[in-house]
Structures are given as C-alpha cells and as structure tokens.
C-alpha cells in the first residue's frame, strides 16, 4: 500500500511534456492503458451527496493493459480541505471483466461513468512520475512516495515530494496537489 501521493494538472501539451522530460534525463520505463468503469448501487440517491462521498460508494470495474482485470474498491481518507491523507485499495482479480460487470449489474449496480487513461511512467533513477492522459482531455502527473523503480528513494511527507517535483521544472497548476480525476469526470456527468 502506498500512502503518500500527489497528483497535479499539467499546463503543457503531452508532446511538450514528453520532449521536456526526455531532454532532462527522464526515461520511459512503462506504458499501459487503464480503463475504469465506476459502478454504484442503482438505488442510491446521489442527488444531494458530496462528490467524494459518491466516489467512496463506487466499485471500479478495471482493466489494466492486457495484464489484469479486476473489481477494485478504493478507500481514501481526506483532511478538511479534501487533501488525501491516506488511501488503500482492494483488488479482486476476475477472469472476464464483462462477466464481472454483468454480475455487478445483477446485484443492483450500474455504471456511473468511465475513465480511459493512457499512462506513461518516467524515471530518472531518483524520481518516478506517472503521466496520465485522462479521457484524452486532461493531462496529469501522479507521484507516489515510493516508485516501483526507485525503491531506494522514499518520501516521508508531502512537502518533500512537492519540493522534489518542483525541481523537475514542469509547468503545472500549483494550486492543487491532490487533483482527483474521478471527481472531475463525475462532475462532467452529474
């Protein structure tokens, strides 16, 4: 379980960001697609619910590249400003996602919205970041406390993560370090 994470919106195009990172000693270390269908109990009245409370009730029908299909439940805890202070998730691997979705529908769930993510992971051996092209509309970068390829470098607090992220020199929205793509897409369909 990874506890610390920042996610920011990038103000550049993907082409400019990719060129900048490759020119500044980052290498592409992984690429994959992530496809999530956010499912919620069809009897739940979400009309007056807060966004994060709605998302807390969702089960994700998730496909990760060609390697994994699962049902995922994410639990996130927030501070008073809606910044993520801790998070965990539980995955239930399935053999066939379409069948899993039919199962969820048969027990009263419906698809609320979908997110298609094109993910590219970059590393410079000290920092690992994941660039996310969300629904071909939003460009975001996620950074976690421990990268899969930078296990010797661990962050104990968000402030150190932000400090190191700033050193990269990317043009991004510094007003929010906890951008929630699901919240953005939820508000588009609400």
C-alpha atoms as a PDB file:
ATOM      1  CA  UNK A   1       0.000   0.000   0.000  1.00  0.00           C
ATOM      2  CA  UNK A   2       1.320   3.398  -0.953  1.00  0.00           C
ATOM      3  CA  UNK A   3       0.261   6.125   1.422  1.00  0.00           C
ATOM      4  CA  UNK A   4       1.611   9.397   0.078  1.00  0.00           C
ATOM      5  CA  UNK A   5       0.714  10.641  -3.359  1.00  0.00           C
ATOM      6  CA  UNK A   6       0.405  13.907  -5.221  1.00  0.00           C
ATOM      7  CA  UNK A   7      -1.448  14.453  -8.486  1.00  0.00           C
ATOM      8  CA  UNK A   8      -1.283  17.689 -10.453  1.00  0.00           C
ATOM      9  CA  UNK A   9      -2.737  19.057 -13.687  1.00  0.00           C
ATOM     10  CA  UNK A  10      -0.123  19.844 -16.317  1.00  0.00           C
ATOM     11  CA  UNK A  11      -0.338  23.098 -18.288  1.00  0.00           C
ATOM     12  CA  UNK A  12       1.616  21.766 -21.285  1.00  0.00           C
ATOM     13  CA  UNK A  13       0.584  19.507 -24.141  1.00  0.00           C
ATOM     14  CA  UNK A  14       1.658  15.885 -23.909  1.00  0.00           C
ATOM     15  CA  UNK A  15       4.126  16.402 -26.755  1.00  0.00           C
ATOM     16  CA  UNK A  16       5.846  19.303 -24.990  1.00  0.00           C
ATOM     17  CA  UNK A  17       5.903  17.447 -21.652  1.00  0.00           C
ATOM     18  CA  UNK A  18       7.309  14.258 -23.189  1.00  0.00           C
ATOM     19  CA  UNK A  19      10.019  16.166 -25.064  1.00  0.00           C
ATOM     20  CA  UNK A  20      10.937  18.124 -21.924  1.00  0.00           C
ATOM     21  CA  UNK A  21      11.203  15.026 -19.720  1.00  0.00           C
ATOM     22  CA  UNK A  22      13.286  13.059 -22.245  1.00  0.00           C
ATOM     23  CA  UNK A  23      15.607  16.060 -22.691  1.00  0.00           C
ATOM     24  CA  UNK A  24      16.049  16.280 -18.903  1.00  0.00           C
ATOM     25  CA  UNK A  25      17.342  12.749 -18.190  1.00  0.00           C
ATOM     26  CA  UNK A  26      13.991  11.008 -17.727  1.00  0.00           C
ATOM     27  CA  UNK A  27      13.375   7.713 -19.484  1.00  0.00           C
ATOM     28  CA  UNK A  28      10.117   5.977 -20.278  1.00  0.00           C
ATOM     29  CA  UNK A  29      10.056   2.852 -18.118  1.00  0.00           C
ATOM     30  CA  UNK A  30       6.487   1.661 -18.645  1.00  0.00           C
ATOM     31  CA  UNK A  31       3.387   2.373 -20.739  1.00  0.00           C
ATOM     32  CA  UNK A  32      -0.096   0.956 -20.400  1.00  0.00           C
ATOM     33  CA  UNK A  33      -3.772   1.761 -20.667  1.00  0.00           C
ATOM     34  CA  UNK A  34      -6.106   1.839 -17.693  1.00  0.00           C
ATOM     35  CA  UNK A  35      -9.822   1.580 -18.251  1.00  0.00           C
ATOM     36  CA  UNK A  36     -12.185   2.069 -15.295  1.00  0.00           C
ATOM     37  CA  UNK A  37     -15.958   1.811 -15.138  1.00  0.00           C
ATOM     38  CA  UNK A  38     -17.154   3.387 -11.894  1.00  0.00           C
ATOM     39  CA  UNK A  39     -20.144   1.405 -10.681  1.00  0.00           C
ATOM     40  CA  UNK A  40     -22.562   2.404  -7.940  1.00  0.00           C
ATOM     41  CA  UNK A  41     -25.676   0.914  -6.388  1.00  0.00           C
ATOM     42  CA  UNK A  42     -28.542   1.996  -8.652  1.00  0.00           C
ATOM     43  CA  UNK A  43     -30.842   2.547  -5.650  1.00  0.00           C
ATOM     44  CA  UNK A  44     -28.519   5.067  -4.010  1.00  0.00           C
ATOM     45  CA  UNK A  45     -29.823   8.632  -4.326  1.00  0.00           C
ATOM     46  CA  UNK A  46     -26.707  10.678  -5.094  1.00  0.00           C
ATOM     47  CA  UNK A  47     -28.585  13.903  -5.814  1.00  0.00           C
ATOM     48  CA  UNK A  48     -27.505  15.685  -2.637  1.00  0.00           C
ATOM     49  CA  UNK A  49     -24.348  13.728  -1.890  1.00  0.00           C
ATOM     50  CA  UNK A  50     -20.877  15.265  -1.927  1.00  0.00           C
ATOM     51  CA  UNK A  51     -18.596  14.143  -4.763  1.00  0.00           C
ATOM     52  CA  UNK A  52     -16.129  12.322  -2.530  1.00  0.00           C
ATOM     53  CA  UNK A  53     -18.935  10.524  -0.698  1.00  0.00           C
ATOM     54  CA  UNK A  54     -20.270   9.289  -4.043  1.00  0.00           C
ATOM     55  CA  UNK A  55     -16.831   8.078  -5.111  1.00  0.00           C
ATOM     56  CA  UNK A  56     -16.458   6.292  -1.779  1.00  0.00           C
ATOM     57  CA  UNK A  57     -19.504   4.182  -2.707  1.00  0.00           C
ATOM     58  CA  UNK A  58     -18.135   3.175  -6.114  1.00  0.00           C
ATOM     59  CA  UNK A  59     -16.676  -0.143  -7.181  1.00  0.00           C
ATOM     60  CA  UNK A  60     -14.348   0.054 -10.174  1.00  0.00           C
ATOM     61  CA  UNK A  61     -14.514  -2.497 -12.964  1.00  0.00           C
ATOM     62  CA  UNK A  62     -10.898  -2.113 -14.041  1.00  0.00           C
ATOM     63  CA  UNK A  63      -8.769  -3.289 -16.939  1.00  0.00           C
ATOM     64  CA  UNK A  64      -5.026  -2.650 -16.723  1.00  0.00           C
ATOM     65  CA  UNK A  65      -3.447  -3.045 -20.143  1.00  0.00           C
ATOM     66  CA  UNK A  66      -3.693  -6.650 -21.268  1.00  0.00           C
ATOM     67  CA  UNK A  67      -2.395  -7.965 -17.970  1.00  0.00           C
ATOM     68  CA  UNK A  68      -5.133  -7.607 -15.369  1.00  0.00           C
ATOM     69  CA  UNK A  69      -8.884  -7.351 -14.992  1.00  0.00           C
ATOM     70  CA  UNK A  70     -10.383  -6.780 -11.567  1.00  0.00           C
ATOM     71  CA  UNK A  71     -13.028  -5.251  -9.387  1.00  0.00           C
ATOM     72  CA  UNK A  72     -11.427  -2.588  -7.211  1.00  0.00           C
ATOM     73  CA  UNK A  73     -12.582  -0.772  -4.123  1.00  0.00           C
ATOM     74  CA  UNK A  74     -10.591   2.292  -3.059  1.00  0.00           C
ATOM     75  CA  UNK A  75     -10.761   3.762   0.417  1.00  0.00           C
ATOM     76  CA  UNK A  76      -9.420   7.267   0.832  1.00  0.00           C
ATOM     77  CA  UNK A  77      -9.323   9.488   3.890  1.00  0.00           C
ATOM     78  CA  UNK A  78      -9.266  13.253   3.466  1.00  0.00           C
ATOM     79  CA  UNK A  79      -8.444  16.255   5.606  1.00  0.00           C
ATOM     80  CA  UNK A  80     -10.809  19.231   5.932  1.00  0.00           C
ATOM     81  CA  UNK A  81      -9.511  20.654   2.625  1.00  0.00           C
ATOM     82  CA  UNK A  82     -10.196  17.360   0.789  1.00  0.00           C
ATOM     83  CA  UNK A  83      -6.494  16.535   0.524  1.00  0.00           C
ATOM     84  CA  UNK A  84      -5.793  12.806   0.604  1.00  0.00           C
ATOM     85  CA  UNK A  85      -4.122  11.867   3.885  1.00  0.00           C
ATOM     86  CA  UNK A  86      -4.237   8.080   3.459  1.00  0.00           C
ATOM     87  CA  UNK A  87      -5.523   5.553   0.999  1.00  0.00           C
ATOM     88  CA  UNK A  88      -5.785   1.853   0.376  1.00  0.00           C
ATOM     89  CA  UNK A  89      -7.391  -0.405  -2.162  1.00  0.00           C
ATOM     90  CA  UNK A  90      -8.597  -3.952  -2.511  1.00  0.00           C
ATOM     91  CA  UNK A  91      -8.495  -5.733  -5.860  1.00  0.00           C
ATOM     92  CA  UNK A  92     -10.496  -8.821  -6.729  1.00  0.00           C
ATOM     93  CA  UNK A  93      -8.986 -10.291  -9.882  1.00  0.00           C
ATOM     94  CA  UNK A  94     -11.518 -11.608 -12.382  1.00  0.00           C
ATOM     95  CA  UNK A  95     -11.100 -13.777 -15.474  1.00  0.00           C
ATOM     96  CA  UNK A  96     -13.581 -11.826 -17.591  1.00  0.00           C
ATOM     97  CA  UNK A  97     -14.403  -8.182 -16.848  1.00  0.00           C
ATOM     98  CA  UNK A  98     -17.583  -8.179 -18.947  1.00  0.00           C
ATOM     99  CA  UNK A  99     -18.936 -11.064 -16.866  1.00  0.00           C
ATOM    100  CA  UNK A 100     -17.912  -9.274 -13.664  1.00  0.00           C
ATOM    101  CA  UNK A 101     -19.802  -6.166 -14.805  1.00  0.00           C
ATOM    102  CA  UNK A 102     -22.891  -8.280 -15.561  1.00  0.00           C
ATOM    103  CA  UNK A 103     -22.564  -9.783 -12.090  1.00  0.00           C
ATOM    104  CA  UNK A 104     -22.401  -6.316 -10.509  1.00  0.00           C
ATOM    105  CA  UNK A 105     -25.434  -5.211 -12.526  1.00  0.00           C
ATOM    106  CA  UNK A 106     -27.339  -8.326 -11.411  1.00  0.00           C
ATOM    107  CA  UNK A 107     -26.810  -7.346  -7.752  1.00  0.00           C
ATOM    108  CA  UNK A 108     -28.055  -3.802  -8.308  1.00  0.00           C
ATOM    109  CA  UNK A 109     -25.087  -1.782  -9.552  1.00  0.00           C
ATOM    110  CA  UNK A 110     -24.969   0.470 -12.602  1.00  0.00           C
ATOM    111  CA  UNK A 111     -22.169   2.222 -14.477  1.00  0.00           C
ATOM    112  CA  UNK A 112     -21.975   5.835 -13.315  1.00  0.00           C
ATOM    113  CA  UNK A 113     -19.097   6.961 -15.550  1.00  0.00           C
ATOM    114  CA  UNK A 114     -15.976   5.710 -17.312  1.00  0.00           C
ATOM    115  CA  UNK A 115     -12.352   6.820 -17.371  1.00  0.00           C
ATOM    116  CA  UNK A 116      -9.836   5.863 -20.019  1.00  0.00           C
ATOM    117  CA  UNK A 117      -6.276   6.587 -19.009  1.00  0.00           C
ATOM    118  CA  UNK A 118      -3.175   6.373 -21.186  1.00  0.00           C
ATOM    119  CA  UNK A 119      -0.327   6.083 -18.660  1.00  0.00           C
ATOM    120  CA  UNK A 120       3.368   6.595 -19.255  1.00  0.00           C
ATOM    121  CA  UNK A 121       5.796   6.117 -16.380  1.00  0.00           C
ATOM    122  CA  UNK A 122       9.032   8.136 -16.449  1.00  0.00           C
ATOM    123  CA  UNK A 123      12.039   7.790 -14.182  1.00  0.00           C
ATOM    124  CA  UNK A 124      15.400   9.497 -13.795  1.00  0.00           C
ATOM    125  CA  UNK A 125      16.552   6.913 -11.207  1.00  0.00           C
ATOM    126  CA  UNK A 126      15.726   9.294  -8.331  1.00  0.00           C
ATOM    127  CA  UNK A 127      12.168  10.284  -9.118  1.00  0.00           C
ATOM    128  CA  UNK A 128       9.413   8.295 -10.754  1.00  0.00           C
ATOM    129  CA  UNK A 129       6.334  10.024 -12.146  1.00  0.00           C
ATOM    130  CA  UNK A 130       3.309   8.733 -13.991  1.00  0.00           C
ATOM    131  CA  UNK A 131       1.904  10.913 -16.758  1.00  0.00           C
ATOM    132  CA  UNK A 132      -1.810  10.317 -17.259  1.00  0.00           C
ATOM    133  CA  UNK A 133      -3.775  11.350 -20.319  1.00  0.00           C
ATOM    134  CA  UNK A 134      -7.304  11.170 -18.875  1.00  0.00           C
ATOM    135  CA  UNK A 135     -10.139  10.672 -21.386  1.00  0.00           C
ATOM    136  CA  UNK A 136      -7.975  12.458 -23.996  1.00  0.00           C
ATOM    137  CA  UNK A 137      -8.932  15.672 -22.211  1.00  0.00           C
ATOM    138  CA  UNK A 138      -6.796  16.181 -19.088  1.00  0.00           C
ATOM    139  CA  UNK A 139      -3.061  15.767 -18.671  1.00  0.00           C
ATOM    140  CA  UNK A 140      -1.985  14.925 -15.118  1.00  0.00           C
ATOM    141  CA  UNK A 141       1.085  13.706 -13.305  1.00  0.00           C
ATOM    142  CA  UNK A 142       0.993  11.433 -10.296  1.00  0.00           C
ATOM    143  CA  UNK A 143       3.937  10.910  -7.965  1.00  0.00           C
ATOM    144  CA  UNK A 144       3.930   8.388  -5.116  1.00  0.00           C
ATOM    145  CA  UNK A 145       6.069   8.100  -2.012  1.00  0.00           C
ATOM    146  CA  UNK A 146       7.870   5.020  -3.357  1.00  0.00           C
ATOM    147  CA  UNK A 147       8.257   4.402  -7.066  1.00  0.00           C
ATOM    148  CA  UNK A 148       8.340   0.861  -8.425  1.00  0.00           C
ATOM    149  CA  UNK A 149      11.789   1.523  -9.910  1.00  0.00           C
ATOM    150  CA  UNK A 150      13.140   3.936  -7.281  1.00  0.00           C
ATOM    151  CA  UNK A 151      12.625   1.793  -4.182  1.00  0.00           C
ATOM    152  CA  UNK A 152      15.731   3.223  -2.511  1.00  0.00           C
ATOM    153  CA  UNK A 153      14.184   6.679  -2.559  1.00  0.00           C
ATOM    154  CA  UNK A 154      11.262   7.020  -0.147  1.00  0.00           C
ATOM    155  CA  UNK A 155       9.312  10.110   0.890  1.00  0.00           C
ATOM    156  CA  UNK A 156       8.120  10.571   4.456  1.00  0.00           C
ATOM    157  CA  UNK A 157       5.993  13.653   3.779  1.00  0.00           C
ATOM    158  CA  UNK A 158       4.147  15.508   1.048  1.00  0.00           C
ATOM    159  CA  UNK A 159       6.268  18.644   1.403  1.00  0.00           C
ATOM    160  CA  UNK A 160       9.446  16.779   0.355  1.00  0.00           C
ATOM    161  CA  UNK A 161       7.604  15.241  -2.585  1.00  0.00           C
ATOM    162  CA  UNK A 162       6.395  18.652  -3.751  1.00  0.00           C
ATOM    163  CA  UNK A 163       9.875  20.150  -3.319  1.00  0.00           C
ATOM    164  CA  UNK A 164      11.473  17.451  -5.496  1.00  0.00           C
ATOM    165  CA  UNK A 165       8.643  17.588  -8.028  1.00  0.00           C
ATOM    166  CA  UNK A 166       9.105  21.363  -8.376  1.00  0.00           C
ATOM    167  CA  UNK A 167      12.795  20.805  -9.182  1.00  0.00           C
ATOM    168  CA  UNK A 168      11.800  18.974 -12.372  1.00  0.00           C
ATOM    169  CA  UNK A 169      10.624  22.296 -13.856  1.00  0.00           C
ATOM    170  CA  UNK A 170       7.293  21.253 -15.356  1.00  0.00           C
ATOM    171  CA  UNK A 171       4.621  23.901 -15.925  1.00  0.00           C
ATOM    172  CA  UNK A 172       1.664  22.746 -13.821  1.00  0.00           C
ATOM    173  CA  UNK A 173      -1.186  24.085 -11.687  1.00  0.00           C
ATOM    174  CA  UNK A 174       0.390  24.661  -8.270  1.00  0.00           C
ATOM    175  CA  UNK A 175      -2.934  25.446  -6.599  1.00  0.00           C
ATOM    176  CA  UNK A 176      -3.879  21.772  -6.166  1.00  0.00           C
ATOM    177  CA  UNK A 177      -1.537  18.865  -5.419  1.00  0.00           C
ATOM    178  CA  UNK A 178      -4.403  16.426  -4.938  1.00  0.00           C
ATOM    179  CA  UNK A 179      -6.276  16.573  -8.244  1.00  0.00           C
ATOM    180  CA  UNK A 180      -8.865  13.823  -8.340  1.00  0.00           C
ATOM    181  CA  UNK A 181      -9.550  12.669 -11.886  1.00  0.00           C
ATOM    182  CA  UNK A 182     -12.610  10.688 -10.825  1.00  0.00           C
ATOM    183  CA  UNK A 183     -14.088  13.773  -9.175  1.00  0.00           C
ATOM    184  CA  UNK A 184     -13.538  15.803 -12.362  1.00  0.00           C
ATOM    185  CA  UNK A 185     -15.201  13.191 -14.571  1.00  0.00           C
ATOM    186  CA  UNK A 186     -18.030  12.657 -12.072  1.00  0.00           C
ATOM    187  CA  UNK A 187     -18.820  16.385 -12.240  1.00  0.00           C
ATOM    188  CA  UNK A 188     -18.930  16.203 -16.034  1.00  0.00           C
ATOM    189  CA  UNK A 189     -21.686  13.569 -15.945  1.00  0.00           C
ATOM    190  CA  UNK A 190     -23.635  14.825 -12.942  1.00  0.00           C
END
